[in-house]
Each structure stands twice: as C-alpha cells, then as structure tokens.
Amino acid sequence: MALSRLHRPERVDDPDVAAVVDVRTALAGLSFGKRACVVLRYALDLSEKETALALGVSVGTVKSQTSKGMAELRRLLGTRAAGELVGREH
C-alpha cells in the first residue's frame, strides 16, 4: 500500500510558516472524515481506492468527503491557496 510514502523525508529550505499555520488551522476545522480524505488523497497522494481501503469506507464516500473538504478549504483559505495546497486536482 502507498502508506510507505509517509516516511519519505521532504525538506523545504524556506518554509512559509504563516501559510503552514493557516493550512493546519483550516484542516483542523474540517470533520475527521473530510480531513482524512483530503490528507490521504493530496498530502500522501493515495488513490481514491487506496484512501477508501485505509479508511474502511466506499470509494463514493471518499469522492464525496474529498470534494466537500476541498470546498470548505477553498472557502477558508481562498481558491488560489487551496489549489496550491493540493498542487493539482486528482
């Protein structure tokens, strides 16, 4: 399973600390299901099927929760910032 990607070290020379705090705050405002789907899909780059297996839910639930979670993040962070957060839409 793709969860082994979790242990991949990534270093950023000059992190935008304020942006990190904003993203963490916005993610904390999401329900567990929405937050889990967004993080697994975009931060860990799991597929919808892998995310569903990891969470023990259907692929349809992953699609719905991810979509709703991203909509909330766009509302909280703005469209541009939310787009930068995920880098690309899956």
PDB file of N, CA and C in Angstrom:
ATOM      1  N   MET A   1       0.840  -1.186   0.000  1.00  0.00           N
ATOM      2  CA  MET A   1       0.000   0.000   0.000  1.00  0.00           C
ATOM      3  C   MET A   1       0.883   1.246   0.000  1.00  0.00           C
ATOM      4  N   ALA A   2       0.353   2.319  -0.440  1.00  0.00           N
ATOM      5  CA  ALA A   2       1.116   3.556  -0.610  1.00  0.00           C
ATOM      6  C   ALA A   2       1.409   4.284   0.697  1.00  0.00           C
ATOM      7  N   LEU A   3       1.002   3.743   1.831  1.00  0.00           N
ATOM      8  CA  LEU A   3       1.262   4.427   3.100  1.00  0.00           C
ATOM      9  C   LEU A   3       2.753   4.504   3.410  1.00  0.00           C
ATOM     10  N   SER A   4       3.565   3.704   2.733  1.00  0.00           N
ATOM     11  CA  SER A   4       5.016   3.792   2.951  1.00  0.00           C
ATOM     12  C   SER A   4       5.548   5.155   2.540  1.00  0.00           C
ATOM     13  N   ARG A   5       4.812   5.882   1.713  1.00  0.00           N
ATOM     14  CA  ARG A   5       5.228   7.228   1.303  1.00  0.00           C
ATOM     15  C   ARG A   5       5.277   8.195   2.485  1.00  0.00           C
ATOM     16  N   LEU A   6       4.599   7.848   3.556  1.00  0.00           N
ATOM     17  CA  LEU A   6       4.550   8.699   4.735  1.00  0.00           C
ATOM     18  C   LEU A   6       5.938   8.952   5.306  1.00  0.00           C
ATOM     19  N   HIS A   7       6.841   8.014   5.179  1.00  0.00           N
ATOM     20  CA  HIS A   7       8.160   8.127   5.779  1.00  0.00           C
ATOM     21  C   HIS A   7       9.185   8.787   4.868  1.00  0.00           C
ATOM     22  N   ARG A   8       8.737   9.334   3.770  1.00  0.00           N
ATOM     23  CA  ARG A   8       9.630   9.999   2.826  1.00  0.00           C
ATOM     24  C   ARG A   8       9.968  11.397   3.358  1.00  0.00           C
ATOM     25  N   PRO A   9      11.222  11.636   3.716  1.00  0.00           N
ATOM     26  CA  PRO A   9      11.568  12.961   4.241  1.00  0.00           C
ATOM     27  C   PRO A   9      11.571  14.011   3.122  1.00  0.00           C
ATOM     28  N   GLU A  10      10.949  15.129   3.407  1.00  0.00           N
ATOM     29  CA  GLU A  10      10.965  16.250   2.467  1.00  0.00           C
ATOM     30  C   GLU A  10      11.406  17.490   3.226  1.00  0.00           C
ATOM     31  N   ARG A  11      12.364  18.180   2.669  1.00  0.00           N
ATOM     32  CA  ARG A  11      12.861  19.389   3.313  1.00  0.00           C
ATOM     33  C   ARG A  11      12.534  20.595   2.447  1.00  0.00           C
ATOM     34  N   VAL A  12      12.174  21.653   3.130  1.00  0.00           N
ATOM     35  CA  VAL A  12      11.909  22.917   2.464  1.00  0.00           C
ATOM     36  C   VAL A  12      12.883  23.925   3.048  1.00  0.00           C
ATOM     37  N   ASP A  13      13.654  24.565   2.176  1.00  0.00           N
ATOM     38  CA  ASP A  13      14.677  25.489   2.654  1.00  0.00           C
ATOM     39  C   ASP A  13      14.101  26.713   3.355  1.00  0.00           C
ATOM     40  N   ASP A  14      13.026  27.252   2.827  1.00  0.00           N
ATOM     41  CA  ASP A  14      12.459  28.478   3.383  1.00  0.00           C
ATOM     42  C   ASP A  14      10.939  28.345   3.486  1.00  0.00           C
ATOM     43  N   PRO A  15      10.450  27.589   4.494  1.00  0.00           N
ATOM     44  CA  PRO A  15       9.004  27.364   4.578  1.00  0.00           C
ATOM     45  C   PRO A  15       8.241  28.643   4.913  1.00  0.00           C
ATOM     46  N   ASP A  16       7.043  28.740   4.383  1.00  0.00           N
ATOM     47  CA  ASP A  16       6.145  29.856   4.682  1.00  0.00           C
ATOM     48  C   ASP A  16       5.363  29.470   5.938  1.00  0.00           C
ATOM     49  N   VAL A  17       5.913  29.828   7.090  1.00  0.00           N
ATOM     50  CA  VAL A  17       5.354  29.403   8.372  1.00  0.00           C
ATOM     51  C   VAL A  17       3.909  29.878   8.539  1.00  0.00           C
ATOM     52  N   ALA A  18       3.618  31.085   8.146  1.00  0.00           N
ATOM     53  CA  ALA A  18       2.249  31.602   8.269  1.00  0.00           C
ATOM     54  C   ALA A  18       1.279  30.768   7.442  1.00  0.00           C
ATOM     55  N   ALA A  19       1.689  30.371   6.246  1.00  0.00           N
ATOM     56  CA  ALA A  19       0.830  29.548   5.392  1.00  0.00           C
ATOM     57  C   ALA A  19       0.617  28.175   6.010  1.00  0.00           C
ATOM     58  N   VAL A  20       1.658  27.609   6.597  1.00  0.00           N
ATOM     59  CA  VAL A  20       1.536  26.307   7.253  1.00  0.00           C
ATOM     60  C   VAL A  20       0.533  26.396   8.402  1.00  0.00           C
ATOM     61  N   VAL A  21       0.623  27.434   9.187  1.00  0.00           N
ATOM     62  CA  VAL A  21      -0.314  27.628  10.302  1.00  0.00           C
ATOM     63  C   VAL A  21      -1.736  27.789   9.771  1.00  0.00           C
ATOM     64  N   ASP A  22      -1.914  28.558   8.708  1.00  0.00           N
ATOM     65  CA  ASP A  22      -3.242  28.740   8.113  1.00  0.00           C
ATOM     66  C   ASP A  22      -3.813  27.418   7.636  1.00  0.00           C
ATOM     67  N   VAL A  23      -3.004  26.609   6.969  1.00  0.00           N
ATOM     68  CA  VAL A  23      -3.471  25.311   6.455  1.00  0.00           C
ATOM     69  C   VAL A  23      -3.813  24.386   7.606  1.00  0.00           C
ATOM     70  N   ARG A  24      -2.966  24.320   8.608  1.00  0.00           N
ATOM     71  CA  ARG A  24      -3.253  23.464   9.763  1.00  0.00           C
ATOM     72  C   ARG A  24      -4.538  23.886  10.460  1.00  0.00           C
ATOM     73  N   THR A  25      -4.735  25.171  10.604  1.00  0.00           N
ATOM     74  CA  THR A  25      -5.952  25.673  11.237  1.00  0.00           C
ATOM     75  C   THR A  25      -7.180  25.319  10.407  1.00  0.00           C
ATOM     76  N   ALA A  26      -7.080  25.500   9.095  1.00  0.00           N
ATOM     77  CA  ALA A  26      -8.199  25.175   8.204  1.00  0.00           C
ATOM     78  C   ALA A  26      -8.497  23.679   8.236  1.00  0.00           C
ATOM     79  N   LEU A  27      -7.460  22.847   8.185  1.00  0.00           N
ATOM     80  CA  LEU A  27      -7.665  21.399   8.243  1.00  0.00           C
ATOM     81  C   LEU A  27      -8.298  20.979   9.564  1.00  0.00           C
ATOM     82  N   ALA A  28      -7.883  21.619  10.654  1.00  0.00           N
ATOM     83  CA  ALA A  28      -8.440  21.287  11.966  1.00  0.00           C
ATOM     84  C   ALA A  28      -9.929  21.601  12.038  1.00  0.00           C
ATOM     85  N   GLY A  29     -10.387  22.525  11.203  1.00  0.00           N
ATOM     86  CA  GLY A  29     -11.798  22.888  11.183  1.00  0.00           C
ATOM     87  C   GLY A  29     -12.679  21.915  10.420  1.00  0.00           C
ATOM     88  N   LEU A  30     -12.054  21.004   9.678  1.00  0.00           N
ATOM     89  CA  LEU A  30     -12.828  20.012   8.934  1.00  0.00           C
ATOM     90  C   LEU A  30     -13.206  18.846   9.836  1.00  0.00           C
ATOM     91  N   SER A  31     -14.281  18.157   9.486  1.00  0.00           N
ATOM     92  CA  SER A  31     -14.631  16.940  10.212  1.00  0.00           C
ATOM     93  C   SER A  31     -13.535  15.902   9.977  1.00  0.00           C
ATOM     94  N   PHE A  32     -13.493  14.888  10.829  1.00  0.00           N
ATOM     95  CA  PHE A  32     -12.464  13.864  10.688  1.00  0.00           C
ATOM     96  C   PHE A  32     -12.475  13.240   9.291  1.00  0.00           C
ATOM     97  N   GLY A  33     -13.647  12.870   8.799  1.00  0.00           N
ATOM     98  CA  GLY A  33     -13.746  12.208   7.502  1.00  0.00           C
ATOM     99  C   GLY A  33     -13.248  13.067   6.363  1.00  0.00           C
ATOM    100  N   LYS A  34     -13.646  14.332   6.346  1.00  0.00           N
ATOM    101  CA  LYS A  34     -13.193  15.246   5.291  1.00  0.00           C
ATOM    102  C   LYS A  34     -11.695  15.467   5.380  1.00  0.00           C
ATOM    103  N   ARG A  35     -11.205  15.702   6.594  1.00  0.00           N
ATOM    104  CA  ARG A  35      -9.770  15.940   6.795  1.00  0.00           C
ATOM    105  C   ARG A  35      -8.964  14.702   6.387  1.00  0.00           C
ATOM    106  N   ALA A  36      -9.405  13.533   6.804  1.00  0.00           N
ATOM    107  CA  ALA A  36      -8.693  12.301   6.465  1.00  0.00           C
ATOM    108  C   ALA A  36      -8.638  12.095   4.956  1.00  0.00           C
ATOM    109  N   CYS A  37      -9.747  12.308   4.279  1.00  0.00           N
ATOM    110  CA  CYS A  37      -9.774  12.126   2.823  1.00  0.00           C
ATOM    111  C   CYS A  37      -8.857  13.122   2.125  1.00  0.00           C
ATOM    112  N   VAL A  38      -8.921  14.373   2.516  1.00  0.00           N
ATOM    113  CA  VAL A  38      -8.073  15.395   1.880  1.00  0.00           C
ATOM    114  C   VAL A  38      -6.596  15.087   2.119  1.00  0.00           C
ATOM    115  N   VAL A  39      -6.233  14.747   3.334  1.00  0.00           N
ATOM    116  CA  VAL A  39      -4.828  14.488   3.647  1.00  0.00           C
ATOM    117  C   VAL A  39      -4.333  13.231   2.932  1.00  0.00           C
ATOM    118  N   LEU A  40      -5.112  12.162   2.974  1.00  0.00           N
ATOM    119  CA  LEU A  40      -4.679  10.936   2.310  1.00  0.00           C
ATOM    120  C   LEU A  40      -4.590  11.110   0.798  1.00  0.00           C
ATOM    121  N   ARG A  41      -5.548  11.811   0.222  1.00  0.00           N
ATOM    122  CA  ARG A  41      -5.564  11.999  -1.236  1.00  0.00           C
ATOM    123  C   ARG A  41      -4.462  12.942  -1.707  1.00  0.00           C
ATOM    124  N   TYR A  42      -4.299  14.076  -1.029  1.00  0.00           N
ATOM    125  CA  TYR A  42      -3.402  15.106  -1.539  1.00  0.00           C
ATOM    126  C   TYR A  42      -2.035  15.128  -0.858  1.00  0.00           C
ATOM    127  N   ALA A  43      -1.968  14.981   0.443  1.00  0.00           N
ATOM    128  CA  ALA A  43      -0.665  15.013   1.117  1.00  0.00           C
ATOM    129  C   ALA A  43       0.088  13.706   0.909  1.00  0.00           C
ATOM    130  N   LEU A  44      -0.632  12.576   0.953  1.00  0.00           N
ATOM    131  CA  LEU A  44       0.021  11.282   0.780  1.00  0.00           C
ATOM    132  C   LEU A  44      -0.144  10.719  -0.622  1.00  0.00           C
ATOM    133  N   ASP A  45      -0.911  11.402  -1.449  1.00  0.00           N
ATOM    134  CA  ASP A  45      -1.093  11.033  -2.856  1.00  0.00           C
ATOM    135  C   ASP A  45      -1.651   9.628  -3.045  1.00  0.00           C
ATOM    136  N   LEU A  46      -2.549   9.214  -2.144  1.00  0.00           N
ATOM    137  CA  LEU A  46      -3.220   7.934  -2.301  1.00  0.00           C
ATOM    138  C   LEU A  46      -4.329   8.064  -3.331  1.00  0.00           C
ATOM    139  N   SER A  47      -4.622   6.976  -4.008  1.00  0.00           N
ATOM    140  CA  SER A  47      -5.744   6.956  -4.951  1.00  0.00           C
ATOM    141  C   SER A  47      -7.049   6.936  -4.160  1.00  0.00           C
ATOM    142  N   GLU A  48      -8.146   7.125  -4.860  1.00  0.00           N
ATOM    143  CA  GLU A  48      -9.449   7.042  -4.190  1.00  0.00           C
ATOM    144  C   GLU A  48      -9.646   5.653  -3.600  1.00  0.00           C
ATOM    145  N   LYS A  49      -9.249   4.622  -4.326  1.00  0.00           N
ATOM    146  CA  LYS A  49      -9.403   3.249  -3.846  1.00  0.00           C
ATOM    147  C   LYS A  49      -8.527   2.995  -2.616  1.00  0.00           C
ATOM    148  N   GLU A  50      -7.272   3.451  -2.653  1.00  0.00           N
ATOM    149  CA  GLU A  50      -6.372   3.277  -1.508  1.00  0.00           C
ATOM    150  C   GLU A  50      -6.896   4.016  -0.285  1.00  0.00           C
ATOM    151  N   THR A  51      -7.428   5.219  -0.499  1.00  0.00           N
ATOM    152  CA  THR A  51      -7.990   6.004   0.601  1.00  0.00           C
ATOM    153  C   THR A  51      -9.194   5.292   1.198  1.00  0.00           C
ATOM    154  N   ALA A  52     -10.053   4.758   0.339  1.00  0.00           N
ATOM    155  CA  ALA A  52     -11.238   4.031   0.802  1.00  0.00           C
ATOM    156  C   ALA A  52     -10.826   2.823   1.644  1.00  0.00           C
ATOM    157  N   LEU A  53      -9.834   2.081   1.174  1.00  0.00           N
ATOM    158  CA  LEU A  53      -9.354   0.917   1.922  1.00  0.00           C
ATOM    159  C   LEU A  53      -8.765   1.326   3.270  1.00  0.00           C
ATOM    160  N   ALA A  54      -7.983   2.394   3.273  1.00  0.00           N
ATOM    161  CA  ALA A  54      -7.345   2.853   4.511  1.00  0.00           C
ATOM    162  C   ALA A  54      -8.373   3.290   5.548  1.00  0.00           C
ATOM    163  N   LEU A  55      -9.472   3.889   5.079  1.00  0.00           N
ATOM    164  CA  LEU A  55     -10.482   4.415   5.993  1.00  0.00           C
ATOM    165  C   LEU A  55     -11.640   3.451   6.230  1.00  0.00           C
ATOM    166  N   GLY A  56     -11.697   2.385   5.443  1.00  0.00           N
ATOM    167  CA  GLY A  56     -12.790   1.427   5.597  1.00  0.00           C
ATOM    168  C   GLY A  56     -14.124   1.971   5.133  1.00  0.00           C
ATOM    169  N   VAL A  57     -14.095   2.781   4.069  1.00  0.00           N
ATOM    170  CA  VAL A  57     -15.319   3.367   3.517  1.00  0.00           C
ATOM    171  C   VAL A  57     -15.360   3.088   2.019  1.00  0.00           C
ATOM    172  N   SER A  58     -16.446   3.445   1.371  1.00  0.00           N
ATOM    173  CA  SER A  58     -16.573   3.239  -0.068  1.00  0.00           C
ATOM    174  C   SER A  58     -15.820   4.317  -0.846  1.00  0.00           C
ATOM    175  N   VAL A  59     -15.518   4.016  -2.093  1.00  0.00           N
ATOM    176  CA  VAL A  59     -14.885   4.999  -2.970  1.00  0.00           C
ATOM    177  C   VAL A  59     -15.803   6.210  -3.132  1.00  0.00           C
ATOM    178  N   GLY A  60     -17.098   5.984  -3.210  1.00  0.00           N
ATOM    179  CA  GLY A  60     -18.053   7.087  -3.313  1.00  0.00           C
ATOM    180  C   GLY A  60     -17.974   8.024  -2.122  1.00  0.00           C
ATOM    181  N   THR A  61     -17.796   7.455  -0.937  1.00  0.00           N
ATOM    182  CA  THR A  61     -17.650   8.279   0.270  1.00  0.00           C
ATOM    183  C   THR A  61     -16.375   9.105   0.194  1.00  0.00           C
ATOM    184  N   VAL A  62     -15.298   8.502  -0.282  1.00  0.00           N
ATOM    185  CA  VAL A  62     -14.033   9.229  -0.435  1.00  0.00           C
ATOM    186  C   VAL A  62     -14.227  10.394  -1.399  1.00  0.00           C
ATOM    187  N   LYS A  63     -14.858  10.144  -2.532  1.00  0.00           N
ATOM    188  CA  LYS A  63     -15.091  11.209  -3.510  1.00  0.00           C
ATOM    189  C   LYS A  63     -15.900  12.340  -2.896  1.00  0.00           C
ATOM    190  N   SER A  64     -16.974  11.999  -2.211  1.00  0.00           N
ATOM    191  CA  SER A  64     -17.856  12.995  -1.611  1.00  0.00           C
ATOM    192  C   SER A  64     -17.151  13.794  -0.519  1.00  0.00           C
ATOM    193  N   GLN A  65     -16.476  13.089   0.393  1.00  0.00           N
ATOM    194  CA  GLN A  65     -15.816  13.758   1.509  1.00  0.00           C
ATOM    195  C   GLN A  65     -14.644  14.614   1.047  1.00  0.00           C
ATOM    196  N   THR A  66     -13.917  14.144   0.040  1.00  0.00           N
ATOM    197  CA  THR A  66     -12.810  14.928  -0.503  1.00  0.00           C
ATOM    198  C   THR A  66     -13.327  16.193  -1.161  1.00  0.00           C
ATOM    199  N   SER A  67     -14.380  16.063  -1.947  1.00  0.00           N
ATOM    200  CA  SER A  67     -14.965  17.221  -2.628  1.00  0.00           C
ATOM    201  C   SER A  67     -15.480  18.248  -1.616  1.00  0.00           C
ATOM    202  N   LYS A  68     -16.202  17.777  -0.623  1.00  0.00           N
ATOM    203  CA  LYS A  68     -16.735  18.680   0.406  1.00  0.00           C
ATOM    204  C   LYS A  68     -15.617  19.308   1.228  1.00  0.00           C
ATOM    205  N   GLY A  69     -14.590  18.516   1.551  1.00  0.00           N
ATOM    206  CA  GLY A  69     -13.455  19.046   2.305  1.00  0.00           C
ATOM    207  C   GLY A  69     -12.709  20.120   1.535  1.00  0.00           C
ATOM    208  N   MET A  70     -12.488  19.884   0.242  1.00  0.00           N
ATOM    209  CA  MET A  70     -11.799  20.886  -0.579  1.00  0.00           C
ATOM    210  C   MET A  70     -12.652  22.141  -0.733  1.00  0.00           C
ATOM    211  N   ALA A  71     -13.962  21.994  -0.830  1.00  0.00           N
ATOM    212  CA  ALA A  71     -14.833  23.168  -0.918  1.00  0.00           C
ATOM    213  C   ALA A  71     -14.718  24.007   0.350  1.00  0.00           C
ATOM    214  N   GLU A  72     -14.661  23.350   1.500  1.00  0.00           N
ATOM    215  CA  GLU A  72     -14.502  24.085   2.758  1.00  0.00           C
ATOM    216  C   GLU A  72     -13.140  24.761   2.831  1.00  0.00           C
ATOM    217  N   LEU A  73     -12.090  24.066   2.383  1.00  0.00           N
ATOM    218  CA  LEU A  73     -10.760  24.673   2.393  1.00  0.00           C
ATOM    219  C   LEU A  73     -10.699  25.872   1.456  1.00  0.00           C
ATOM    220  N   ARG A  74     -11.349  25.780   0.298  1.00  0.00           N
ATOM    221  CA  ARG A  74     -11.395  26.930  -0.622  1.00  0.00           C
ATOM    222  C   ARG A  74     -12.083  28.112   0.039  1.00  0.00           C
ATOM    223  N   ARG A  75     -13.149  27.832   0.771  1.00  0.00           N
ATOM    224  CA  ARG A  75     -13.880  28.895   1.465  1.00  0.00           C
ATOM    225  C   ARG A  75     -13.016  29.508   2.566  1.00  0.00           C
ATOM    226  N   LEU A  76     -12.291  28.683   3.301  1.00  0.00           N
ATOM    227  CA  LEU A  76     -11.477  29.165   4.417  1.00  0.00           C
ATOM    228  C   LEU A  76     -10.165  29.804   3.967  1.00  0.00           C
ATOM    229  N   LEU A  77      -9.526  29.232   2.953  1.00  0.00           N
ATOM    230  CA  LEU A  77      -8.200  29.684   2.533  1.00  0.00           C
ATOM    231  C   LEU A  77      -8.212  30.521   1.266  1.00  0.00           C
ATOM    232  N   GLY A  78      -9.288  30.444   0.510  1.00  0.00           N
ATOM    233  CA  GLY A  78      -9.337  31.076  -0.796  1.00  0.00           C
ATOM    234  C   GLY A  78      -9.008  30.046  -1.859  1.00  0.00           C
ATOM    235  N   THR A  79      -9.520  30.254  -3.044  1.00  0.00           N
ATOM    236  CA  THR A  79      -9.356  29.288  -4.125  1.00  0.00           C
ATOM    237  C   THR A  79      -7.893  29.074  -4.488  1.00  0.00           C
ATOM    238  N   ARG A  80      -7.141  30.157  -4.606  1.00  0.00           N
ATOM    239  CA  ARG A  80      -5.731  30.043  -5.008  1.00  0.00           C
ATOM    240  C   ARG A  80      -4.922  29.266  -3.975  1.00  0.00           C
ATOM    241  N   ALA A  81      -5.083  29.608  -2.699  1.00  0.00           N
ATOM    242  CA  ALA A  81      -4.324  28.936  -1.644  1.00  0.00           C
ATOM    243  C   ALA A  81      -4.692  27.463  -1.552  1.00  0.00           C
ATOM    244  N   ALA A  82      -5.964  27.137  -1.683  1.00  0.00           N
ATOM    245  CA  ALA A  82      -6.381  25.735  -1.635  1.00  0.00           C
ATOM    246  C   ALA A  82      -5.816  24.977  -2.830  1.00  0.00           C
ATOM    247  N   GLY A  83      -5.783  25.601  -3.983  1.00  0.00           N
ATOM    248  CA  GLY A  83      -5.205  24.970  -5.173  1.00  0.00           C
ATOM    249  C   GLY A  83      -3.726  24.717  -5.008  1.00  0.00           C
ATOM    250  N   GLU A  84      -3.018  25.661  -4.386  1.00  0.00           N
ATOM    251  CA  GLU A  84      -1.599  25.470  -4.133  1.00  0.00           C
ATOM    252  C   GLU A  84      -1.369  24.372  -3.119  1.00  0.00           C
ATOM    253  N   LEU A  85      -2.292  24.232  -2.185  1.00  0.00           N
ATOM    254  CA  LEU A  85      -2.181  23.198  -1.162  1.00  0.00           C
ATOM    255  C   LEU A  85      -2.146  21.813  -1.788  1.00  0.00           C
ATOM    256  N   VAL A  86      -3.016  21.566  -2.736  1.00  0.00           N
ATOM    257  CA  VAL A  86      -3.072  20.242  -3.359  1.00  0.00           C
ATOM    258  C   VAL A  86      -2.169  20.144  -4.574  1.00  0.00           C
ATOM    259  N   GLY A  87      -1.738  21.259  -5.107  1.00  0.00           N
ATOM    260  CA  GLY A  87      -0.846  21.235  -6.251  1.00  0.00           C
ATOM    261  C   GLY A  87      -1.550  20.974  -7.558  1.00  0.00           C
ATOM    262  N   ARG A  88      -2.505  20.072  -7.507  1.00  0.00           N
ATOM    263  CA  ARG A  88      -3.291  19.728  -8.683  1.00  0.00           C
ATOM    264  C   ARG A  88      -4.533  18.993  -8.213  1.00  0.00           C
ATOM    265  N   GLU A  89      -5.552  19.030  -8.994  1.00  0.00           N
ATOM    266  CA  GLU A  89      -6.756  18.257  -8.661  1.00  0.00           C
ATOM    267  C   GLU A  89      -6.582  16.856  -9.190  1.00  0.00           C
ATOM    268  N   HIS A  90      -6.994  15.859  -8.417  1.00  0.00           N
ATOM    269  CA  HIS A  90      -6.883  14.456  -8.834  1.00  0.00           C
ATOM    270  C   HIS A  90      -8.022  14.090  -9.735  1.00  0.00           C
TER     271      HIS A  90
END
